[in-house]
Structures are given as structure tokens and as C-alpha cells.
Amino acid sequence: MPRSLRPHARLCLPIVLAVSTLCASAQDAPTSVPAPAAAQALYPLIAERSKAIEQKVIAWRRDIHQHPELGNQEKRTAALVAAHLKALGYEVREGVAVTGVVAVLRGGKPGPVVALRADMDALPVKEQVDVPFASKARAKWGFADVDVMHACGHDGHVAILMGVAEVLASMKAQLPGTVKLVFQPAEEKLPNAEIGGARRMLAEGAFDAPKPDVVFGLHLVSALNTGQIGYKPGPITASSDTFKVSVKGRQTHGSQPWSGVDPIVLGSQIVLGFQTIASRQVDVTKEPSVLSVGTFQAGMRYNIIPDAAEMSGTLRTYDERMRQSIMDRMRNTASHIAQSGGGTAEVRFEPDGYAPTVNDPALTAQMAPSLQRIPDAKALVIQKGTGGEDFSFFAQKAPGLFVMIGSTPPGQDASKAEPNHSPRFFVDEASLLVGTRTLSQLTVDYMTMAQK
């Protein structure tokens, strides 16, 4: 889930001060562009119908929040979604990538195919939010029994897209195009580096027949206040890759290190060597990167130099070529440092890594005026975040736009709000209406723009 989201630029606006001392500039805001007449005719319907179902969306969110399900276990959530979509007249396909749901609504007029995505899974987190619908759920995660909570807002994402489905179905005859809804499992990854979520949905035909022309998605974030919509062209979230390093030495007595090969010393040098990749070998004027070692395990006794050391960590980047280059450099760095001391080292990247989420620049520029027209909301250009998102894979298959919906109540300092993934993560439910209107309006605007 994205973190470090902050408004970008120079001329400060009061609405942004709760998020950061950095704020949106006049040049960042898109020039006011009138909506196509066909879209303007549908705006009152979107505003009216989204407001009419607001309490229903809130009720869905509370129900899903009270009954959270981990990745590939979202059977109850998927059944709720599928029943709702079938009742609205969507063509519904269930069981995609284990529990995913894909639904199609063909508008009354020809036009482009717009895909909308919501992720459904919760996290192995014990809830500490005092609300009547707080989760008390437990489940199996790998080999462990864990508490389960929607600590990242996915319950809100599902409820929002269910609301969008109802709004768009109510104007089916006026829609110049086709809507494809993608309710995705396992965005938060799976145990044992199993491939799931967006990649598996795509492999199982989620974007086939009909193939989307564009894809839109959103994420509730506590780093923005309710009513704020954060977006930016280009990378908006980072890649997310887990790596493991195995260092092999030769065990010996701690009093006679020359009789063996010390994997702890070699591992320590590898940690430092990794830091020089980011600071000395990567063009920081292009994009930043983060390379962090989070675990270092070696030895069982104070006076024994062990045979091996194991490390693990995370790599975050915003450019696919840079991502692959750093991976190669890490392998070479670890191997050569270990060889210099008489040992060996292997760097392994888990196969379930996420690519950077990149908003298509042309699509973002095209749709930025639409974001500015969302009722009772303010669109802001924000900085990229270092969290990961597998929406990235959908955006590799069709031009994508991923936006952040503020969920911290107005008047509260969003920079001090509990972050996504916290057991105290809180969602202001007024943000659900903003999300419903955002995806509904992006869909209608894109379809009507294509008719020109």
C-alpha cells in the first residue's frame, strides 16, 4: 500500500497544509476544461444516484470490514459481489484466480471498453479500532493462525466499486461503451511467494473478450483528507521485491577466525555494498530507489563463527529497467564480495514481486480535468509513494490511471494519521462517496471523450 504520499509543488493551498508543508501549485492544476456535452448530461445522474446509494455503500463496507478474508480466501466477499452484479444485469464470471470476479456491462451505445478494479483481501492484523463493526476474525495464513483485519481499505474499495456498478447500471442505455469490473483477490500477496492477484487474473483472461482500452483504479489512504484526490502522471507507487541472500563460509572457533571463513563479516560487507548501489551506481536524477536489508541471521553461539548467514530485504524502484539493473548489480556485488573473502553468496528474488505502478502520462493529462470536476472534492498532484501495488500489471496491459482517495476526516492532520496497514487504520466513510463518484465520472468522461 502506498506511503509517503504528499502534495507536490510550491504555492501553498490551505486544504493541503494538513498533509504536508509541500502543496499543489497553480501550474500543477490542469487548466479548466469543459466536459463533453454528453458527459455533462450524465453528471446530475451520477451525483444524484451516488448520493442515493451512499448509505448502502457504507453498509457494504461495514459488513465486509466485519468479515475480512485473507488473499485467495475471499469467498464470502466474492459471493456478495457476484450476487449484487447479477441482480444489476451484469455478465458475471466467478472463480477467476481462485476467488476473483469479472463482470461486464454493455452500454446502450458503441464505444470503448473501460475497466475498473477493486482489491478484496484483508491483512493478518489484529484490529485496534473501536467501532461497532470491528473485526474479530481469525484465519490460517501459511502455517499460522492469525487475526484478520481490513487494515488497508480494501473493504472500502469493494464497496465503492459495488456502488459504481449500481450507478453505471442505472444509466446503461446512455453509456457509449462497455464497463468491465475486476474484483481482485490477493493484492497483499500470498504465503510462500505464490503468484496470485492481478497477474493470475490476467493469466486467466480477466482482460480478454472484451479487452479494455483503459483501466482505472483507486486506493483509500490516510495520508490525505477526505475530499482530496491525489494523482500524478508517471510512477505513483514503487515496485515491491523481496530478496534473500545466502552467504556460505566455513565454521570455526571464534578465537581462530583464520581457520575458517566468516560469513558474518562477508554478510556485513554485502549489506554495505548494497547501499553503494543506490548511492553510487544508479542515476538518481532519473528516479530514486530504496534498497533495505531487514533481517540478518547467523550463528547460535557467541564463540563459534558459523558456516552460513542469511539476510532478506526489500527493493523499491520506479522504473522497470532500473529495477532489473539493480537486481543484477546486487547479484554481482554479493558474489564478488563473498569471493574476495573465500566464501560464496547467492541473491534470490521472490517470484511474486510487483512492478512499479505507472500512470499513463497521456491518459492522466486527458483525465485530470475530470478529477477536478468531482463534486465536493479537490484533485491534487502528489508525490510518488514507496508502497507497492499490483494494479501495476493491469496498467501494463492497458493505459492506466491509479488515484488516491483521502480517508482522514477533514480538520484532522493527515500527516499524523495512522498509516495503511496499521491496526489503528481508520476510514472516514464520507470518503466512499468521493470514490464512487470518482470512478463513475472517470468512466463516463472517458467514454464520451472517445465519441468526439
Protein backbone atom coordinates (compact mmCIF):
# COMPACT_ATOMS: atom_id res chain seq x y z
CA MET A 1 0.00 0.00 0.00
CA PRO A 2 1.43 3.40 -0.89
CA ARG A 3 3.03 5.55 1.76
CA SER A 4 4.87 8.89 1.65
CA LEU A 5 2.08 10.40 -0.42
CA ARG A 6 2.35 14.15 -0.26
CA PRO A 7 1.05 17.01 -2.42
CA HIS A 8 3.68 18.37 -4.76
CA ALA A 9 4.95 21.82 -5.56
CA ARG A 10 5.21 25.35 -4.41
CA LEU A 11 2.21 27.70 -4.00
CA CYS A 12 0.51 26.56 -0.79
CA LEU A 13 -3.23 25.97 -0.62
CA PRO A 14 -4.85 25.72 2.85
CA ILE A 15 -6.52 22.38 2.05
CA VAL A 16 -3.11 20.78 1.71
CA LEU A 17 -1.45 22.01 4.88
CA ALA A 18 -2.79 19.06 6.89
CA VAL A 19 -0.90 16.70 4.60
CA SER A 20 2.45 18.38 4.17
CA THR A 21 4.27 21.67 4.03
CA LEU A 22 4.62 20.91 0.33
CA CYS A 23 1.48 21.66 -1.59
CA ALA A 24 -0.12 21.92 -5.01
CA SER A 25 0.99 24.71 -7.30
CA ALA A 26 -1.06 26.62 -9.81
CA GLN A 27 0.84 25.10 -12.70
CA ASP A 28 0.17 21.60 -11.31
CA ALA A 29 -3.60 22.04 -11.53
CA PRO A 30 -4.91 21.29 -15.01
CA THR A 31 -6.49 24.10 -16.95
CA SER A 32 -10.26 24.03 -16.55
CA VAL A 33 -11.62 22.07 -19.49
CA PRO A 34 -15.37 21.75 -20.00
CA ALA A 35 -16.69 18.21 -20.08
CA PRO A 36 -18.18 16.84 -23.30
CA ALA A 37 -21.86 17.71 -23.56
CA ALA A 38 -22.79 14.03 -23.42
CA ALA A 39 -20.92 13.68 -20.13
CA GLN A 40 -22.43 16.83 -18.68
CA ALA A 41 -25.85 15.39 -19.33
CA LEU A 42 -24.97 12.40 -17.14
CA TYR A 43 -23.32 14.33 -14.29
CA PRO A 44 -26.59 15.07 -12.46
CA LEU A 45 -27.45 11.36 -12.61
CA ILE A 46 -24.04 10.38 -11.20
CA ALA A 47 -24.32 12.94 -8.39
CA GLU A 48 -27.90 12.03 -7.55
CA ARG A 49 -27.59 8.24 -7.74
CA SER A 50 -24.26 8.04 -5.94
CA LYS A 51 -25.73 10.08 -3.10
CA ALA A 52 -28.87 7.94 -3.07
CA ILE A 53 -26.87 4.75 -2.50
CA GLU A 54 -24.28 6.24 -0.14
CA GLN A 55 -25.74 4.54 2.93
CA LYS A 56 -25.90 1.25 1.04
CA VAL A 57 -22.20 1.58 0.14
CA ILE A 58 -21.37 2.33 3.78
CA ALA A 59 -23.36 -0.73 4.89
CA TRP A 60 -21.48 -2.93 2.41
CA ARG A 61 -18.18 -1.58 3.65
CA ARG A 62 -19.07 -2.26 7.30
CA ASP A 63 -20.25 -5.78 6.51
CA ILE A 64 -17.07 -6.60 4.60
CA HIS A 65 -14.95 -4.95 7.30
CA GLN A 66 -16.58 -7.09 9.98
CA HIS A 67 -15.96 -10.23 7.91
CA PRO A 68 -12.45 -9.77 6.43
CA GLU A 69 -10.82 -12.51 4.39
CA LEU A 70 -7.18 -13.06 3.51
CA GLY A 71 -5.80 -13.48 -0.01
CA ASN A 72 -7.44 -16.28 -2.03
CA GLN A 73 -9.88 -16.82 0.86
CA GLU A 74 -12.34 -14.07 -0.14
CA LYS A 75 -15.24 -16.45 -0.77
CA ARG A 76 -17.85 -14.55 1.25
CA THR A 77 -16.81 -11.20 -0.22
CA ALA A 78 -16.81 -12.57 -3.77
CA ALA A 79 -20.25 -14.13 -3.30
CA LEU A 80 -21.63 -10.79 -2.05
CA VAL A 81 -20.14 -9.01 -5.06
CA ALA A 82 -21.33 -11.57 -7.62
CA ALA A 83 -24.90 -11.62 -6.32
CA HIS A 84 -25.09 -7.83 -6.47
CA LEU A 85 -23.71 -7.66 -10.01
CA LYS A 86 -26.01 -10.38 -11.31
CA ALA A 87 -29.02 -8.56 -9.86
CA LEU A 88 -27.93 -5.43 -11.77
CA GLY A 89 -27.77 -7.31 -15.08
CA TYR A 90 -24.01 -7.66 -15.47
CA GLU A 91 -22.45 -10.65 -17.22
CA VAL A 92 -20.58 -12.21 -14.31
CA ARG A 93 -17.67 -14.64 -14.26
CA GLU A 94 -16.66 -16.05 -10.89
CA GLY A 95 -13.66 -18.00 -9.62
CA VAL A 96 -11.06 -16.07 -11.61
CA ALA A 97 -7.67 -16.50 -9.90
CA VAL A 98 -9.39 -18.55 -7.16
CA THR A 99 -11.91 -16.01 -5.83
CA GLY A 100 -11.87 -13.12 -8.31
CA VAL A 101 -14.97 -11.76 -10.02
CA VAL A 102 -15.06 -10.21 -13.50
CA ALA A 103 -18.25 -8.54 -14.73
CA VAL A 104 -19.25 -6.82 -17.96
CA LEU A 105 -21.95 -4.22 -18.63
CA ARG A 106 -22.51 -3.34 -22.28
CA GLY A 107 -23.84 0.18 -22.70
CA GLY A 108 -26.64 1.16 -24.99
CA LYS A 109 -24.28 2.80 -27.47
CA PRO A 110 -21.00 1.62 -29.05
CA GLY A 111 -17.78 2.89 -27.56
CA PRO A 112 -14.58 1.98 -25.69
CA VAL A 113 -14.13 -0.64 -23.00
CA VAL A 114 -13.32 0.83 -19.57
CA ALA A 115 -12.01 -1.49 -16.85
CA LEU A 116 -12.39 -0.64 -13.15
CA ARG A 117 -10.55 -2.59 -10.46
CA ALA A 118 -11.03 -3.16 -6.72
CA ASP A 119 -8.95 -5.44 -4.50
CA MET A 120 -10.77 -7.58 -1.92
CA ASP A 121 -8.27 -9.09 0.54
CA ALA A 122 -7.52 -8.18 4.14
CA LEU A 123 -4.32 -8.43 6.20
CA PRO A 124 -3.08 -10.61 9.07
CA VAL A 125 -3.51 -7.75 11.56
CA LYS A 126 -5.41 -7.57 14.88
CA GLU A 127 -7.82 -4.64 14.81
CA GLN A 128 -7.47 -1.88 17.41
CA VAL A 129 -10.16 0.49 16.09
CA ASP A 130 -13.13 1.00 18.42
CA VAL A 131 -16.08 0.70 16.02
CA PRO A 132 -19.20 -1.48 16.35
CA PHE A 133 -18.24 -3.42 13.22
CA ALA A 134 -14.62 -4.09 14.23
CA SER A 135 -13.20 -7.39 13.03
CA LYS A 136 -12.83 -10.31 15.40
CA ALA A 137 -12.00 -12.72 12.59
CA ARG A 138 -9.18 -15.24 12.60
CA ALA A 139 -7.84 -17.38 9.78
CA LYS A 140 -4.96 -19.55 8.60
CA TRP A 141 -2.08 -17.71 6.95
CA GLY A 142 0.54 -20.16 5.82
CA PHE A 143 1.01 -22.37 8.86
CA ALA A 144 -0.07 -19.75 11.39
CA ASP A 145 -3.40 -18.86 12.99
CA VAL A 146 -3.74 -15.09 12.70
CA ASP A 147 -6.11 -12.24 13.41
CA VAL A 148 -7.54 -10.65 10.28
CA MET A 149 -8.40 -7.00 9.58
CA HIS A 150 -9.08 -4.74 6.63
CA ALA A 151 -6.16 -2.51 7.60
CA CYS A 152 -5.57 -1.17 4.09
CA GLY A 153 -9.00 -0.02 2.95
CA HIS A 154 -9.82 -2.84 0.55
CA ASP A 155 -13.23 -3.21 2.19
CA GLY A 156 -13.90 0.34 1.06
CA HIS A 157 -12.60 -0.37 -2.43
CA VAL A 158 -15.04 -3.27 -2.85
CA ALA A 159 -17.97 -1.25 -1.52
CA ILE A 160 -17.08 1.69 -3.77
CA LEU A 161 -16.95 -0.46 -6.90
CA MET A 162 -20.22 -2.15 -5.96
CA GLY A 163 -21.68 1.34 -5.76
CA VAL A 164 -20.15 2.34 -9.09
CA ALA A 165 -21.64 -0.82 -10.62
CA GLU A 166 -25.09 0.30 -9.49
CA VAL A 167 -24.65 3.89 -10.67
CA LEU A 168 -23.48 2.82 -14.14
CA ALA A 169 -26.13 0.11 -14.47
CA SER A 170 -28.79 2.73 -13.82
CA MET A 171 -27.65 4.66 -16.91
CA LYS A 172 -26.83 1.67 -19.09
CA ALA A 173 -28.88 2.93 -22.05
CA GLN A 174 -26.94 6.23 -22.12
CA LEU A 175 -23.45 4.72 -21.79
CA PRO A 176 -21.42 4.91 -25.02
CA GLY A 177 -19.22 1.92 -24.32
CA THR A 178 -18.65 -1.15 -22.17
CA VAL A 179 -17.74 -1.37 -18.48
CA LYS A 180 -15.57 -4.22 -17.19
CA LEU A 181 -15.38 -4.59 -13.41
CA VAL A 182 -12.48 -6.53 -11.88
CA PHE A 183 -12.80 -7.57 -8.22
CA GLN A 184 -9.34 -8.93 -7.43
CA PRO A 185 -8.09 -11.25 -4.68
CA ALA A 186 -4.66 -11.38 -3.06
CA GLU A 187 -3.30 -7.88 -3.68
CA GLU A 188 -1.41 -8.14 -0.38
CA LYS A 189 0.48 -11.18 -1.73
CA LEU A 190 0.29 -14.80 -0.60
CA PRO A 191 2.35 -17.06 1.68
CA ASN A 192 5.40 -18.79 0.23
CA ALA A 193 5.73 -16.29 -2.65
CA GLU A 194 2.81 -17.86 -4.53
CA ILE A 195 1.80 -15.93 -7.65
CA GLY A 196 -1.74 -14.59 -7.34
CA GLY A 197 -3.75 -11.41 -7.59
CA ALA A 198 -3.54 -9.27 -10.71
CA ARG A 199 -1.04 -11.46 -12.55
CA ARG A 200 -3.10 -14.59 -12.09
CA MET A 201 -6.30 -12.79 -13.06
CA LEU A 202 -4.66 -11.63 -16.29
CA ALA A 203 -3.32 -15.12 -16.95
CA GLU A 204 -6.86 -16.45 -16.54
CA GLY A 205 -8.35 -14.00 -19.03
CA ALA A 206 -9.60 -11.11 -16.91
CA PHE A 207 -8.71 -8.64 -19.69
CA ASP A 208 -9.91 -10.83 -22.56
CA ALA A 209 -13.15 -10.57 -24.55
CA PRO A 210 -13.61 -7.65 -24.32
CA LYS A 211 -10.12 -6.20 -23.96
CA PRO A 212 -10.10 -2.89 -22.05
CA ASP A 213 -8.96 0.29 -23.76
CA VAL A 214 -8.11 1.81 -20.36
CA VAL A 215 -8.13 0.79 -16.72
CA PHE A 216 -8.89 2.96 -13.69
CA GLY A 217 -8.28 2.17 -10.03
CA LEU A 218 -8.17 3.88 -6.65
CA HIS A 219 -6.84 3.44 -3.14
CA LEU A 220 -8.08 4.86 0.15
CA VAL A 221 -5.17 6.48 2.00
CA SER A 222 -4.95 8.09 5.42
CA ALA A 223 -2.18 10.43 4.20
CA LEU A 224 -4.84 12.63 2.55
CA ASN A 225 -8.02 14.14 3.96
CA THR A 226 -11.50 13.18 2.84
CA GLY A 227 -12.35 15.16 -0.28
CA GLN A 228 -8.76 15.14 -1.56
CA ILE A 229 -7.98 13.08 -4.66
CA GLY A 230 -4.27 12.51 -5.23
CA TYR A 231 -2.84 11.73 -8.64
CA LYS A 232 0.26 12.19 -10.77
CA PRO A 233 1.48 11.19 -14.23
CA GLY A 234 4.16 8.52 -14.45
CA PRO A 235 5.16 6.35 -11.49
CA ILE A 236 2.83 6.69 -8.49
CA THR A 237 3.79 3.60 -6.48
CA ALA A 238 7.06 1.68 -6.41
CA SER A 239 7.98 -1.81 -7.40
CA SER A 240 7.98 -4.21 -4.46
CA ASP A 241 10.53 -7.01 -4.50
CA THR A 242 11.61 -9.31 -1.69
CA PHE A 243 15.17 -10.63 -1.84
CA LYS A 244 17.08 -13.22 0.17
CA VAL A 245 20.85 -13.54 0.41
CA SER A 246 22.61 -16.76 1.41
CA VAL A 247 26.26 -16.37 2.41
CA LYS A 248 28.37 -19.51 2.77
CA GLY A 249 31.57 -19.53 4.80
CA ARG A 250 33.36 -22.19 6.85
CA GLN A 251 32.67 -22.74 10.53
CA THR A 252 35.47 -22.39 13.06
CA HIS A 253 36.16 -21.41 16.65
CA GLY A 254 35.61 -17.73 17.37
CA SER A 255 39.12 -17.48 18.79
CA GLN A 256 40.65 -18.69 15.49
CA PRO A 257 38.89 -16.85 12.64
CA TRP A 258 41.82 -17.50 10.29
CA SER A 259 40.95 -21.19 10.40
CA GLY A 260 37.60 -20.63 8.69
CA VAL A 261 35.65 -18.18 6.53
CA ASP A 262 33.45 -15.74 8.44
CA PRO A 263 30.02 -15.34 6.74
CA ILE A 264 29.01 -12.67 9.25
CA VAL A 265 31.81 -10.34 8.16
CA LEU A 266 31.12 -11.12 4.50
CA GLY A 267 27.40 -10.53 5.01
CA SER A 268 28.09 -7.21 6.73
CA GLN A 269 30.22 -6.10 3.81
CA ILE A 270 27.47 -7.16 1.42
CA VAL A 271 24.95 -5.00 3.31
CA LEU A 272 27.26 -2.01 2.93
CA GLY A 273 27.95 -2.90 -0.69
CA PHE A 274 24.23 -2.88 -1.43
CA GLN A 275 23.99 0.69 -0.15
CA THR A 276 26.62 1.86 -2.63
CA ILE A 277 24.44 0.57 -5.47
CA ALA A 278 21.71 3.10 -4.64
CA SER A 279 24.11 5.89 -3.69
CA ARG A 280 26.87 5.45 -6.31
CA GLN A 281 25.70 3.25 -9.21
CA VAL A 282 22.17 4.44 -10.00
CA ASP A 283 21.29 7.67 -11.82
CA VAL A 284 19.34 9.42 -9.07
CA THR A 285 18.34 12.23 -11.43
CA LYS A 286 16.05 9.78 -13.21
CA GLU A 287 14.23 8.05 -10.34
CA PRO A 288 15.03 7.27 -6.69
CA SER A 289 15.33 3.76 -5.31
CA VAL A 290 15.23 2.11 -1.89
CA LEU A 291 17.25 -0.98 -1.01
CA SER A 292 16.80 -2.15 2.60
CA VAL A 293 18.07 -5.23 4.40
CA GLY A 294 15.52 -6.14 7.06
CA THR A 295 16.82 -9.39 8.54
CA PHE A 296 20.29 -10.78 9.24
CA GLN A 297 20.53 -14.20 10.84
CA ALA A 298 23.70 -16.13 11.61
CA GLY A 299 25.14 -18.35 14.30
CA MET A 300 23.89 -19.90 17.52
CA ARG A 301 26.74 -19.33 19.96
CA TYR A 302 28.95 -16.40 20.90
CA ASN A 303 32.28 -18.18 20.35
CA ILE A 304 31.55 -20.03 17.10
CA ILE A 305 31.90 -18.49 13.67
CA PRO A 306 29.10 -20.22 11.74
CA ASP A 307 29.02 -21.85 8.34
CA ALA A 308 26.39 -19.52 6.90
CA ALA A 309 24.48 -16.27 7.19
CA GLU A 310 21.05 -15.42 5.78
CA MET A 311 19.65 -11.99 5.01
CA SER A 312 16.44 -10.66 3.50
CA GLY A 313 15.11 -7.29 2.49
CA THR A 314 13.14 -5.23 0.02
CA LEU A 315 13.92 -3.34 -3.18
CA ARG A 316 11.73 -0.43 -4.32
CA THR A 317 12.12 1.29 -7.70
CA TYR A 318 10.00 3.34 -10.11
CA ASP A 319 11.47 2.30 -13.44
CA GLU A 320 11.46 -1.26 -14.81
CA ARG A 321 14.89 -1.01 -16.44
CA MET A 322 16.37 0.43 -13.25
CA ARG A 323 14.69 -2.36 -11.28
CA GLN A 324 16.32 -5.07 -13.37
CA SER A 325 19.69 -3.27 -13.37
CA ILE A 326 19.76 -3.04 -9.56
CA MET A 327 18.84 -6.71 -9.27
CA ASP A 328 21.79 -7.63 -11.49
CA ARG A 329 24.13 -5.34 -9.55
CA MET A 330 23.03 -6.89 -6.25
CA ARG A 331 23.84 -10.38 -7.51
CA ASN A 332 27.27 -9.30 -8.75
CA THR A 333 28.07 -7.28 -5.63
CA ALA A 334 27.22 -10.08 -3.21
CA SER A 335 29.00 -12.74 -5.23
CA HIS A 336 32.24 -10.78 -5.63
CA ILE A 337 32.40 -9.59 -2.02
CA ALA A 338 31.93 -13.14 -0.80
CA GLN A 339 34.57 -14.48 -3.21
CA SER A 340 37.05 -11.86 -2.01
CA GLY A 341 36.87 -13.39 1.46
CA GLY A 342 36.89 -17.01 0.41
CA GLY A 343 33.14 -17.58 0.61
CA THR A 344 30.16 -17.60 -1.73
CA ALA A 345 26.91 -15.67 -1.82
CA GLU A 346 23.67 -16.04 -3.74
CA VAL A 347 20.95 -13.40 -4.11
CA ARG A 348 17.44 -14.69 -4.83
CA PHE A 349 14.41 -12.56 -5.65
CA GLU A 350 11.00 -13.94 -4.78
CA PRO A 351 8.88 -14.51 -7.91
CA ASP A 352 5.88 -12.59 -6.53
CA GLY A 353 7.45 -9.13 -6.84
CA TYR A 354 5.39 -6.20 -8.12
CA ALA A 355 6.35 -3.84 -10.91
CA PRO A 356 6.07 -0.07 -10.42
CA THR A 357 2.57 1.34 -10.94
CA VAL A 358 2.91 3.86 -13.75
CA ASN A 359 0.08 6.20 -14.67
CA ASP A 360 -0.01 6.63 -18.42
CA PRO A 361 1.03 10.29 -18.93
CA ALA A 362 -1.33 10.95 -21.86
CA LEU A 363 -4.29 9.33 -20.11
CA THR A 364 -3.52 11.21 -16.88
CA ALA A 365 -3.42 14.53 -18.74
CA GLN A 366 -6.65 13.65 -20.51
CA MET A 367 -8.49 12.71 -17.31
CA ALA A 368 -7.05 15.31 -14.89
CA PRO A 369 -9.83 17.83 -15.73
CA SER A 370 -12.36 15.09 -14.95
CA LEU A 371 -10.83 14.65 -11.49
CA GLN A 372 -11.11 18.39 -10.95
CA ARG A 373 -14.85 18.19 -11.64
CA ILE A 374 -15.69 15.62 -8.93
CA PRO A 375 -18.33 17.26 -6.70
CA ASP A 376 -17.21 18.26 -3.19
CA ALA A 377 -13.64 17.16 -3.86
CA LYS A 378 -10.26 18.65 -4.72
CA ALA A 379 -7.78 16.93 -7.02
CA LEU A 380 -4.11 17.39 -6.11
CA VAL A 381 -0.88 16.38 -7.79
CA ILE A 382 1.01 14.31 -5.20
CA GLN A 383 4.45 12.81 -4.85
CA LYS A 384 5.00 9.16 -5.65
CA GLY A 385 4.82 6.67 -2.78
CA THR A 386 7.21 3.86 -1.86
CA GLY A 387 4.48 1.28 -1.29
CA GLY A 388 3.75 -1.39 -3.90
CA GLU A 389 0.56 -2.21 -5.82
CA ASP A 390 -0.19 -4.98 -8.28
CA PHE A 391 -2.53 -2.67 -10.19
CA SER A 392 0.79 -2.17 -11.99
CA PHE A 393 0.20 -5.34 -14.02
CA PHE A 394 -3.22 -4.19 -15.22
CA ALA A 395 -1.64 -0.87 -16.23
CA GLN A 396 0.94 -2.79 -18.29
CA LYS A 397 -1.87 -4.33 -20.37
CA ALA A 398 -3.89 -1.14 -20.95
CA PRO A 399 -3.21 2.55 -20.30
CA GLY A 400 -3.92 3.03 -16.61
CA LEU A 401 -4.73 5.75 -14.11
CA PHE A 402 -4.50 4.99 -10.37
CA VAL A 403 -5.61 7.66 -7.89
CA MET A 404 -5.50 8.08 -4.12
CA ILE A 405 -8.69 8.92 -2.21
CA GLY A 406 -8.18 10.68 1.11
CA SER A 407 -9.81 8.95 4.10
CA THR A 408 -8.77 11.03 7.12
CA PRO A 409 -11.61 13.28 8.36
CA PRO A 410 -11.37 16.95 7.38
CA GLY A 411 -9.83 19.06 10.10
CA GLN A 412 -7.51 16.29 11.27
CA ASP A 413 -3.81 16.37 10.45
CA ALA A 414 -3.48 13.65 7.82
CA SER A 415 0.30 13.63 8.17
CA LYS A 416 -0.19 12.26 11.70
CA ALA A 417 -2.97 9.78 10.87
CA GLU A 418 -2.39 6.08 11.44
CA PRO A 419 -1.00 4.72 8.17
CA ASN A 420 -2.44 1.99 5.98
CA HIS A 421 -1.54 -1.44 7.42
CA SER A 422 -1.73 -0.11 10.98
CA PRO A 423 -4.08 -1.95 13.40
CA ARG A 424 -5.49 1.54 14.08
CA PHE A 425 -6.07 2.44 10.41
CA PHE A 426 -9.34 4.40 10.23
CA VAL A 427 -11.52 5.24 7.23
CA ASP A 428 -13.81 8.26 7.22
CA GLU A 429 -16.83 6.77 5.47
CA ALA A 430 -17.57 10.06 3.72
CA SER A 431 -14.62 9.15 1.50
CA LEU A 432 -16.64 6.29 -0.02
CA LEU A 433 -18.93 8.74 -1.82
CA VAL A 434 -15.88 10.54 -3.21
CA GLY A 435 -14.54 7.22 -4.51
CA THR A 436 -17.86 6.21 -6.04
CA ARG A 437 -18.19 9.50 -7.88
CA THR A 438 -14.54 9.42 -8.99
CA LEU A 439 -14.71 6.06 -10.76
CA SER A 440 -18.20 6.74 -12.15
CA GLN A 441 -17.19 10.09 -13.59
CA LEU A 442 -13.88 8.87 -15.00
CA THR A 443 -15.79 6.12 -16.81
CA VAL A 444 -18.43 8.42 -18.28
CA ASP A 445 -15.94 11.12 -19.22
CA TYR A 446 -13.58 8.73 -20.98
CA MET A 447 -16.41 7.10 -22.94
CA THR A 448 -17.87 10.41 -24.07
CA MET A 449 -14.44 11.84 -24.94
CA ALA A 450 -13.92 8.88 -27.24
CA GLN A 451 -17.07 9.80 -29.16
CA LYS A 452 -15.56 13.05 -30.43
